[in-house]
Amino acid sequence: TNTQAFRIRNPNFTSAEKVLFINILEKYLTLPQNKLYYNGKLSLRDHIWKQVESDFNVLTPAKVHRSKENLRKLYSNMKTTARQNLRNGIVCDIDKRFLGVIKKHSTPN
């Protein structure tokens, strides 16, 4: 028998949730004190991710609770996917918006 506990999965992020996430992310990226740079790479401070989580869960149309870890993983996945799609020439509107936000705020002020 399998003794491993089954992990309960949240539903996949919808397009509406991704757009909401980008909007919330942009709000926090506009403030320089919220950002950190490691080896030239943009990162948000840990307490800011908690605020992003709170805002997201209040405003999400799906009413599915997402943890800050879920949102960090979404950020990482969206960044990877958007860059791959850009290289392959198949960028969608969400990818364009996400890459625009990241590029706009990716250099130290």
Protein backbone atom coordinates (compact mmCIF):
# COMPACT_ATOMS: atom_id res chain seq x y z
CA THR A 1 0.00 0.00 0.00
CA ASN A 2 1.03 3.56 -0.57
CA THR A 3 1.74 5.24 2.76
CA GLN A 4 2.42 8.69 1.33
CA ALA A 5 -0.18 11.31 2.10
CA PHE A 6 -1.93 12.72 -0.90
CA ARG A 7 -1.38 16.38 -1.55
CA ILE A 8 -4.54 18.39 -2.09
CA ARG A 9 -4.09 20.51 -5.19
CA ASN A 10 -5.57 23.92 -5.72
CA PRO A 11 -7.16 24.52 -9.09
CA ASN A 12 -4.91 26.00 -11.76
CA PHE A 13 -4.69 29.79 -11.86
CA THR A 14 -7.23 31.29 -14.26
CA SER A 15 -6.38 34.07 -16.70
CA ALA A 16 -8.35 36.51 -14.51
CA GLU A 17 -6.28 35.49 -11.48
CA LYS A 18 -3.04 35.97 -13.43
CA VAL A 19 -4.09 39.47 -14.51
CA LEU A 20 -5.05 40.30 -10.92
CA PHE A 21 -1.68 38.99 -9.73
CA ILE A 22 0.18 41.16 -12.25
CA ASN A 23 -1.78 44.24 -11.14
CA ILE A 24 -1.06 43.59 -7.46
CA LEU A 25 2.58 42.81 -8.19
CA GLU A 26 3.00 46.07 -10.10
CA LYS A 27 1.54 48.01 -7.17
CA TYR A 28 4.22 46.67 -4.83
CA LEU A 29 7.07 46.85 -7.35
CA THR A 30 6.61 50.61 -7.77
CA LEU A 31 7.98 51.20 -4.26
CA PRO A 32 11.79 50.85 -4.18
CA GLN A 33 11.84 49.86 -0.49
CA ASN A 34 9.89 46.68 -1.32
CA LYS A 35 12.52 45.35 -3.72
CA LEU A 36 15.79 43.52 -3.20
CA TYR A 37 18.44 42.71 -5.76
CA TYR A 38 20.57 39.58 -5.58
CA ASN A 39 23.24 39.37 -8.27
CA GLY A 40 21.24 41.87 -10.31
CA LYS A 41 18.00 39.86 -10.04
CA LEU A 42 14.81 41.43 -8.77
CA SER A 43 13.17 39.96 -5.68
CA LEU A 44 10.41 41.13 -3.37
CA ARG A 45 10.94 41.27 0.37
CA ASP A 46 9.32 38.45 2.33
CA HIS A 47 6.82 40.65 4.21
CA ILE A 48 5.72 42.13 0.88
CA TRP A 49 4.80 38.64 -0.38
CA LYS A 50 2.51 38.34 2.66
CA GLN A 51 0.79 41.59 1.63
CA VAL A 52 0.51 40.38 -1.97
CA GLU A 53 -1.09 37.18 -0.64
CA SER A 54 -3.57 39.14 1.45
CA ASP A 55 -4.55 41.50 -1.39
CA PHE A 56 -4.84 38.64 -3.85
CA ASN A 57 -7.09 36.55 -1.62
CA VAL A 58 -9.41 39.49 -0.94
CA LEU A 59 -9.75 40.42 -4.61
CA THR A 60 -9.60 37.07 -6.41
CA PRO A 61 -12.71 36.25 -8.44
CA ALA A 62 -12.21 32.49 -7.96
CA LYS A 63 -12.36 32.69 -4.15
CA VAL A 64 -9.65 30.04 -3.88
CA HIS A 65 -7.15 30.76 -1.12
CA ARG A 66 -3.59 31.08 -2.46
CA SER A 67 -0.62 31.11 -0.11
CA LYS A 68 2.40 33.36 -0.60
CA GLU A 69 4.29 30.21 -1.63
CA ASN A 70 1.67 29.55 -4.33
CA LEU A 71 2.03 33.14 -5.56
CA ARG A 72 5.83 32.99 -5.53
CA LYS A 73 5.65 29.81 -7.59
CA LEU A 74 3.19 31.49 -9.97
CA TYR A 75 5.65 34.40 -10.33
CA SER A 76 8.50 32.02 -11.10
CA ASN A 77 6.43 29.95 -13.54
CA MET A 78 5.04 33.01 -15.31
CA LYS A 79 8.52 34.47 -15.71
CA THR A 80 9.88 31.23 -17.17
CA THR A 81 6.89 30.65 -19.46
CA ALA A 82 6.77 34.25 -20.69
CA ARG A 83 10.47 34.23 -21.55
CA GLN A 84 10.18 30.88 -23.34
CA ASN A 85 7.15 32.09 -25.28
CA LEU A 86 9.00 35.29 -26.21
CA ARG A 87 11.91 33.25 -27.58
CA ASN A 88 9.49 31.06 -29.53
CA GLY A 89 7.49 34.03 -30.85
CA ILE A 90 4.18 32.99 -29.28
CA VAL A 91 3.67 35.66 -26.62
CA CYS A 92 0.10 36.16 -25.39
CA ASP A 93 -1.30 39.37 -23.85
CA ILE A 94 -0.70 38.15 -20.29
CA ASP A 95 2.93 37.32 -21.12
CA LYS A 96 3.44 40.77 -22.68
CA ARG A 97 1.96 42.54 -19.66
CA PHE A 98 3.95 40.45 -17.19
CA LEU A 99 7.25 40.94 -19.03
CA GLY A 100 6.53 44.67 -19.29
CA VAL A 101 6.00 44.98 -15.54
CA ILE A 102 9.11 42.95 -14.73
CA LYS A 103 11.28 44.86 -17.21
CA LYS A 104 10.00 48.24 -16.00
CA HIS A 105 10.97 47.49 -12.41
CA SER A 106 13.97 45.20 -12.87
CA THR A 107 16.77 47.74 -12.45
CA PRO A 108 17.73 49.26 -9.09
CA ASN A 109 16.57 52.87 -8.64
